[in-house]
Amino acid sequence: MNPLLMTGIIVVFFAAASYSIGIITQLRRKLINLMVRVFLTAGVCLDATSTGFMIAGSRRIPLTFHGVLGYSAFLLMAGDLAFSWRHFRKQSLSPLPRRFWRYSLAAYLWWMLAFLAGGVVVSRMR
């Protein structure tokens, strides 16, 4: 397997772990604290990095079903990160509105769907 693609696969696992810790903590506590912001920020940065490695290491065009699913999931998670920082700056540690944590959950589930679809793509490459 291409070393760039392999690096992207490894980095995306760290992105999944970071997103999971951040979102699950946010949903359990119904608020955004420093830990949530750190893990969501790390998740977005790692996701962007892994996407770059995967595009550079792939022989296919970047607009596949998995690619579109992944790009849209990244945008949803980046939006969640932006909303998280905005909420924290305006209302610090106040409880999250229901619509906010529902969006976070939907964005996370969409991202996990893209993550699992990537696993299916990799398993079919062999």
N, C-alpha and C. Protein backbone atom coordinates (compact mmCIF):
# COMPACT_ATOMS: atom_id res chain seq x y z
N MET A 1 0.84 -1.18 0.00
CA MET A 1 0.00 0.00 0.00
C MET A 1 0.89 1.25 0.00
N ASN A 2 0.43 2.27 -0.64
CA ASN A 2 1.12 3.55 -0.74
C ASN A 2 1.39 4.11 0.67
N PRO A 3 2.64 4.55 0.97
CA PRO A 3 2.95 5.06 2.31
C PRO A 3 2.14 6.31 2.70
N LEU A 4 1.83 7.16 1.72
CA LEU A 4 1.01 8.34 2.04
C LEU A 4 -0.40 7.93 2.44
N LEU A 5 -0.96 6.97 1.72
CA LEU A 5 -2.29 6.47 2.04
C LEU A 5 -2.30 5.79 3.41
N MET A 6 -1.25 5.03 3.69
CA MET A 6 -1.15 4.36 4.98
C MET A 6 -1.05 5.37 6.13
N THR A 7 -0.29 6.43 5.92
CA THR A 7 -0.18 7.49 6.93
C THR A 7 -1.54 8.14 7.17
N GLY A 8 -2.27 8.40 6.09
CA GLY A 8 -3.61 8.98 6.22
C GLY A 8 -4.54 8.08 7.00
N ILE A 9 -4.45 6.78 6.78
CA ILE A 9 -5.30 5.83 7.49
C ILE A 9 -4.98 5.84 8.99
N ILE A 10 -3.70 5.89 9.32
CA ILE A 10 -3.29 5.92 10.73
C ILE A 10 -3.76 7.22 11.40
N VAL A 11 -3.57 8.34 10.71
CA VAL A 11 -3.95 9.64 11.28
C VAL A 11 -5.46 9.74 11.47
N VAL A 12 -6.25 9.15 10.56
CA VAL A 12 -7.71 9.24 10.69
C VAL A 12 -8.20 8.46 11.91
N PHE A 13 -7.47 7.44 12.33
CA PHE A 13 -7.84 6.74 13.57
C PHE A 13 -7.68 7.65 14.77
N PHE A 14 -6.63 8.47 14.77
CA PHE A 14 -6.45 9.44 15.85
C PHE A 14 -7.54 10.52 15.80
N ALA A 15 -7.95 10.90 14.60
CA ALA A 15 -9.05 11.86 14.45
C ALA A 15 -10.34 11.26 15.03
N ALA A 16 -10.61 10.01 14.73
CA ALA A 16 -11.82 9.35 15.24
C ALA A 16 -11.79 9.28 16.77
N ALA A 17 -10.65 8.96 17.34
CA ALA A 17 -10.54 8.91 18.80
C ALA A 17 -10.76 10.29 19.40
N SER A 18 -10.16 11.30 18.80
CA SER A 18 -10.29 12.66 19.31
C SER A 18 -11.73 13.16 19.21
N TYR A 19 -12.35 12.97 18.05
CA TYR A 19 -13.76 13.35 17.89
C TYR A 19 -14.63 12.63 18.91
N SER A 20 -14.40 11.34 19.07
CA SER A 20 -15.23 10.54 19.98
C SER A 20 -15.13 11.04 21.41
N ILE A 21 -13.91 11.29 21.88
CA ILE A 21 -13.74 11.79 23.24
C ILE A 21 -14.43 13.15 23.40
N GLY A 22 -14.21 14.05 22.44
CA GLY A 22 -14.81 15.38 22.52
C GLY A 22 -16.32 15.37 22.48
N ILE A 23 -16.90 14.67 21.53
CA ILE A 23 -18.35 14.66 21.37
C ILE A 23 -19.04 13.91 22.52
N ILE A 24 -18.50 12.77 22.89
CA ILE A 24 -19.13 12.01 23.98
C ILE A 24 -19.07 12.80 25.28
N THR A 25 -17.96 13.46 25.56
CA THR A 25 -17.87 14.30 26.76
C THR A 25 -18.87 15.44 26.69
N GLN A 26 -18.95 16.08 25.54
CA GLN A 26 -19.90 17.18 25.35
C GLN A 26 -21.33 16.71 25.56
N LEU A 27 -21.68 15.58 24.99
CA LEU A 27 -23.06 15.09 25.08
C LEU A 27 -23.40 14.61 26.50
N ARG A 28 -22.45 14.01 27.18
CA ARG A 28 -22.70 13.54 28.55
C ARG A 28 -22.87 14.69 29.52
N ARG A 29 -22.05 15.73 29.37
CA ARG A 29 -22.10 16.85 30.31
C ARG A 29 -23.04 17.97 29.86
N LYS A 30 -23.44 17.93 28.60
CA LYS A 30 -24.31 18.96 28.02
C LYS A 30 -23.72 20.37 28.14
N LEU A 31 -22.39 20.44 28.09
CA LEU A 31 -21.71 21.73 28.09
C LEU A 31 -20.37 21.59 27.38
N ILE A 32 -19.79 22.73 27.07
CA ILE A 32 -18.51 22.75 26.36
C ILE A 32 -17.46 23.30 27.30
N ASN A 33 -16.51 22.45 27.66
CA ASN A 33 -15.42 22.90 28.52
C ASN A 33 -14.11 22.86 27.72
N LEU A 34 -13.02 23.12 28.39
CA LEU A 34 -11.72 23.15 27.71
C LEU A 34 -11.39 21.81 27.06
N MET A 35 -11.67 20.72 27.76
CA MET A 35 -11.35 19.39 27.22
C MET A 35 -12.11 19.12 25.92
N VAL A 36 -13.37 19.48 25.88
CA VAL A 36 -14.16 19.28 24.66
C VAL A 36 -13.58 20.09 23.52
N ARG A 37 -13.26 21.34 23.77
CA ARG A 37 -12.71 22.20 22.71
C ARG A 37 -11.36 21.68 22.22
N VAL A 38 -10.52 21.20 23.13
CA VAL A 38 -9.21 20.68 22.73
C VAL A 38 -9.38 19.44 21.85
N PHE A 39 -10.23 18.51 22.26
CA PHE A 39 -10.39 17.28 21.48
C PHE A 39 -11.09 17.53 20.14
N LEU A 40 -12.07 18.43 20.09
CA LEU A 40 -12.71 18.74 18.81
C LEU A 40 -11.73 19.44 17.87
N THR A 41 -10.95 20.36 18.41
CA THR A 41 -9.95 21.06 17.59
C THR A 41 -8.92 20.07 17.05
N ALA A 42 -8.44 19.18 17.91
CA ALA A 42 -7.48 18.17 17.48
C ALA A 42 -8.11 17.26 16.42
N GLY A 43 -9.37 16.89 16.61
CA GLY A 43 -10.05 16.03 15.65
C GLY A 43 -10.14 16.66 14.27
N VAL A 44 -10.50 17.94 14.22
CA VAL A 44 -10.60 18.64 12.93
C VAL A 44 -9.22 18.74 12.28
N CYS A 45 -8.21 19.09 13.06
CA CYS A 45 -6.85 19.20 12.50
C CYS A 45 -6.34 17.85 11.99
N LEU A 46 -6.56 16.79 12.78
CA LEU A 46 -6.14 15.46 12.35
C LEU A 46 -6.93 14.98 11.14
N ASP A 47 -8.22 15.30 11.09
CA ASP A 47 -9.05 14.91 9.96
C ASP A 47 -8.58 15.60 8.69
N ALA A 48 -8.28 16.89 8.78
CA ALA A 48 -7.78 17.63 7.61
C ALA A 48 -6.44 17.04 7.15
N THR A 49 -5.58 16.72 8.10
CA THR A 49 -4.28 16.13 7.77
C THR A 49 -4.45 14.78 7.09
N SER A 50 -5.30 13.94 7.67
CA SER A 50 -5.50 12.60 7.08
C SER A 50 -6.12 12.70 5.69
N THR A 51 -7.03 13.64 5.50
CA THR A 51 -7.64 13.82 4.19
C THR A 51 -6.58 14.21 3.16
N GLY A 52 -5.68 15.10 3.54
CA GLY A 52 -4.60 15.49 2.64
C GLY A 52 -3.71 14.32 2.26
N PHE A 53 -3.35 13.51 3.25
CA PHE A 53 -2.52 12.33 2.97
C PHE A 53 -3.26 11.34 2.06
N MET A 54 -4.55 11.15 2.32
CA MET A 54 -5.30 10.18 1.52
C MET A 54 -5.47 10.65 0.08
N ILE A 55 -5.70 11.94 -0.11
CA ILE A 55 -5.81 12.47 -1.47
C ILE A 55 -4.47 12.34 -2.20
N ALA A 56 -3.38 12.67 -1.50
CA ALA A 56 -2.05 12.59 -2.11
C ALA A 56 -1.66 11.15 -2.43
N GLY A 57 -2.11 10.21 -1.61
CA GLY A 57 -1.72 8.82 -1.80
C GLY A 57 -2.65 8.00 -2.65
N SER A 58 -3.79 8.56 -3.01
CA SER A 58 -4.77 7.81 -3.79
C SER A 58 -4.53 7.97 -5.28
N ARG A 59 -4.79 6.92 -6.00
CA ARG A 59 -4.67 6.97 -7.47
C ARG A 59 -5.99 7.37 -8.11
N ARG A 60 -7.03 7.37 -7.31
CA ARG A 60 -8.37 7.69 -7.84
C ARG A 60 -8.64 9.18 -7.75
N ILE A 61 -9.68 9.60 -8.46
CA ILE A 61 -10.09 10.99 -8.37
C ILE A 61 -10.70 11.23 -6.98
N PRO A 62 -10.55 12.44 -6.42
CA PRO A 62 -11.04 12.68 -5.06
C PRO A 62 -12.56 12.76 -4.94
N LEU A 63 -13.30 12.79 -6.05
CA LEU A 63 -14.75 12.90 -5.97
C LEU A 63 -15.42 11.54 -6.17
N THR A 64 -15.21 10.66 -5.22
CA THR A 64 -15.90 9.38 -5.18
C THR A 64 -17.03 9.50 -4.17
N PHE A 65 -17.84 8.46 -4.05
CA PHE A 65 -18.91 8.47 -3.05
C PHE A 65 -18.31 8.66 -1.66
N HIS A 66 -17.26 7.90 -1.35
CA HIS A 66 -16.62 8.04 -0.05
C HIS A 66 -16.01 9.43 0.12
N GLY A 67 -15.44 9.98 -0.95
CA GLY A 67 -14.85 11.31 -0.88
C GLY A 67 -15.89 12.37 -0.55
N VAL A 68 -17.01 12.36 -1.24
CA VAL A 68 -18.07 13.34 -0.99
C VAL A 68 -18.63 13.16 0.41
N LEU A 69 -18.82 11.93 0.82
CA LEU A 69 -19.30 11.64 2.18
C LEU A 69 -18.30 12.18 3.21
N GLY A 70 -17.02 11.94 2.98
CA GLY A 70 -15.98 12.41 3.89
C GLY A 70 -15.85 13.93 3.93
N TYR A 71 -15.91 14.58 2.77
CA TYR A 71 -15.80 16.04 2.73
C TYR A 71 -16.98 16.68 3.45
N SER A 72 -18.18 16.16 3.21
CA SER A 72 -19.36 16.73 3.88
C SER A 72 -19.30 16.48 5.39
N ALA A 73 -18.81 15.32 5.80
CA ALA A 73 -18.67 15.03 7.23
C ALA A 73 -17.64 15.96 7.87
N PHE A 74 -16.55 16.21 7.15
CA PHE A 74 -15.53 17.14 7.66
C PHE A 74 -16.13 18.53 7.85
N LEU A 75 -16.91 18.99 6.87
CA LEU A 75 -17.53 20.31 6.99
C LEU A 75 -18.50 20.38 8.17
N LEU A 76 -19.26 19.32 8.39
CA LEU A 76 -20.17 19.29 9.54
C LEU A 76 -19.40 19.35 10.85
N MET A 77 -18.29 18.60 10.95
CA MET A 77 -17.50 18.62 12.18
C MET A 77 -16.78 19.96 12.36
N ALA A 78 -16.32 20.55 11.27
CA ALA A 78 -15.70 21.87 11.36
C ALA A 78 -16.74 22.90 11.81
N GLY A 79 -17.96 22.77 11.31
CA GLY A 79 -19.05 23.64 11.76
C GLY A 79 -19.35 23.44 13.24
N ASP A 80 -19.35 22.19 13.68
CA ASP A 80 -19.57 21.91 15.10
C ASP A 80 -18.48 22.54 15.95
N LEU A 81 -17.24 22.46 15.48
CA LEU A 81 -16.14 23.09 16.21
C LEU A 81 -16.33 24.61 16.28
N ALA A 82 -16.69 25.22 15.17
CA ALA A 82 -16.92 26.68 15.16
C ALA A 82 -18.06 27.06 16.10
N PHE A 83 -19.15 26.30 16.07
CA PHE A 83 -20.27 26.57 16.97
C PHE A 83 -19.86 26.38 18.43
N SER A 84 -19.03 25.39 18.68
CA SER A 84 -18.57 25.12 20.04
C SER A 84 -17.74 26.29 20.58
N TRP A 85 -16.81 26.77 19.78
CA TRP A 85 -16.00 27.90 20.21
C TRP A 85 -16.87 29.14 20.40
N ARG A 86 -17.80 29.35 19.49
CA ARG A 86 -18.67 30.52 19.59
C ARG A 86 -19.53 30.46 20.84
N HIS A 87 -20.12 29.30 21.11
CA HIS A 87 -20.95 29.14 22.31
C HIS A 87 -20.12 29.38 23.57
N PHE A 88 -18.92 28.81 23.59
CA PHE A 88 -18.07 28.96 24.77
C PHE A 88 -17.70 30.42 24.99
N ARG A 89 -17.36 31.12 23.92
CA ARG A 89 -16.94 32.52 24.06
C ARG A 89 -18.09 33.41 24.51
N LYS A 90 -19.31 33.08 24.08
CA LYS A 90 -20.46 33.91 24.46
C LYS A 90 -21.04 33.54 25.82
N GLN A 91 -21.10 32.22 26.10
CA GLN A 91 -21.83 31.80 27.29
C GLN A 91 -21.01 30.92 28.21
N SER A 92 -19.73 30.86 28.00
CA SER A 92 -18.80 30.10 28.82
C SER A 92 -19.32 28.70 29.15
N LEU A 93 -19.56 28.41 30.40
CA LEU A 93 -19.94 27.05 30.79
C LEU A 93 -21.45 26.88 30.99
N SER A 94 -22.26 27.66 30.30
CA SER A 94 -23.71 27.49 30.41
C SER A 94 -24.13 26.22 29.67
N PRO A 95 -25.21 25.59 30.09
CA PRO A 95 -25.67 24.36 29.41
C PRO A 95 -25.96 24.60 27.93
N LEU A 96 -25.74 23.57 27.15
CA LEU A 96 -25.97 23.66 25.71
C LEU A 96 -27.46 23.60 25.39
N PRO A 97 -27.90 24.40 24.42
CA PRO A 97 -29.27 24.25 23.95
C PRO A 97 -29.46 22.88 23.29
N ARG A 98 -30.65 22.36 23.36
CA ARG A 98 -30.94 21.03 22.82
C ARG A 98 -30.58 20.94 21.33
N ARG A 99 -30.91 21.97 20.56
CA ARG A 99 -30.62 21.92 19.12
C ARG A 99 -29.13 21.85 18.85
N PHE A 100 -28.30 22.44 19.73
CA PHE A 100 -26.86 22.39 19.54
C PHE A 100 -26.34 20.97 19.72
N TRP A 101 -26.70 20.32 20.82
CA TRP A 101 -26.15 18.98 21.02
C TRP A 101 -26.75 17.97 20.05
N ARG A 102 -27.94 18.25 19.54
CA ARG A 102 -28.49 17.38 18.48
C ARG A 102 -27.68 17.53 17.20
N TYR A 103 -27.31 18.76 16.87
CA TYR A 103 -26.46 18.98 15.69
C TYR A 103 -25.12 18.28 15.88
N SER A 104 -24.54 18.41 17.06
CA SER A 104 -23.24 17.76 17.34
C SER A 104 -23.34 16.26 17.15
N LEU A 105 -24.40 15.68 17.67
CA LEU A 105 -24.59 14.23 17.54
C LEU A 105 -24.78 13.84 16.08
N ALA A 106 -25.58 14.59 15.34
CA ALA A 106 -25.81 14.28 13.92
C ALA A 106 -24.50 14.42 13.12
N ALA A 107 -23.73 15.47 13.38
CA ALA A 107 -22.46 15.66 12.68
C ALA A 107 -21.50 14.52 12.99
N TYR A 108 -21.45 14.13 14.25
CA TYR A 108 -20.56 13.04 14.66
C TYR A 108 -20.98 11.72 14.00
N LEU A 109 -22.26 11.42 14.00
CA LEU A 109 -22.73 10.17 13.39
C LEU A 109 -22.47 10.17 11.89
N TRP A 110 -22.63 11.31 11.24
CA TRP A 110 -22.34 11.42 9.80
C TRP A 110 -20.84 11.18 9.56
N TRP A 111 -20.00 11.76 10.44
CA TRP A 111 -18.57 11.56 10.30
C TRP A 111 -18.20 10.09 10.51
N MET A 112 -18.82 9.45 11.48
CA MET A 112 -18.54 8.04 11.73
C MET A 112 -18.98 7.18 10.55
N LEU A 113 -20.08 7.54 9.89
CA LEU A 113 -20.51 6.83 8.70
C LEU A 113 -19.45 6.94 7.60
N ALA A 114 -18.90 8.15 7.42
CA ALA A 114 -17.83 8.34 6.43
C ALA A 114 -16.59 7.54 6.83
N PHE A 115 -16.27 7.51 8.11
CA PHE A 115 -15.13 6.75 8.62
C PHE A 115 -15.30 5.26 8.33
N LEU A 116 -16.48 4.73 8.61
CA LEU A 116 -16.74 3.31 8.36
C LEU A 116 -16.76 3.00 6.86
N ALA A 117 -17.28 3.93 6.05
CA ALA A 117 -17.27 3.75 4.60
C ALA A 117 -15.84 3.69 4.09
N GLY A 118 -14.95 4.47 4.70
CA GLY A 118 -13.53 4.40 4.33
C GLY A 118 -12.94 3.05 4.63
N GLY A 119 -13.37 2.44 5.74
CA GLY A 119 -12.91 1.10 6.07
C GLY A 119 -13.34 0.08 5.03
N VAL A 120 -14.56 0.25 4.53
CA VAL A 120 -15.06 -0.65 3.49
C VAL A 120 -14.25 -0.47 2.20
N VAL A 121 -13.94 0.77 1.87
CA VAL A 121 -13.14 1.05 0.67
C VAL A 121 -11.76 0.40 0.78
N VAL A 122 -11.13 0.54 1.94
CA VAL A 122 -9.79 -0.04 2.14
C VAL A 122 -9.85 -1.56 2.09
N SER A 123 -10.88 -2.15 2.67
CA SER A 123 -10.97 -3.61 2.68
C SER A 123 -11.18 -4.17 1.28
N ARG A 124 -11.77 -3.42 0.38
CA ARG A 124 -11.99 -3.88 -0.99
C ARG A 124 -10.77 -3.68 -1.87
N MET A 125 -9.80 -2.91 -1.39
CA MET A 125 -8.59 -2.65 -2.17
C MET A 125 -7.67 -3.86 -2.21
N ARG A 126 -7.81 -4.75 -1.28
CA ARG A 126 -6.89 -5.90 -1.19
C ARG A 126 -7.28 -7.01 -2.09
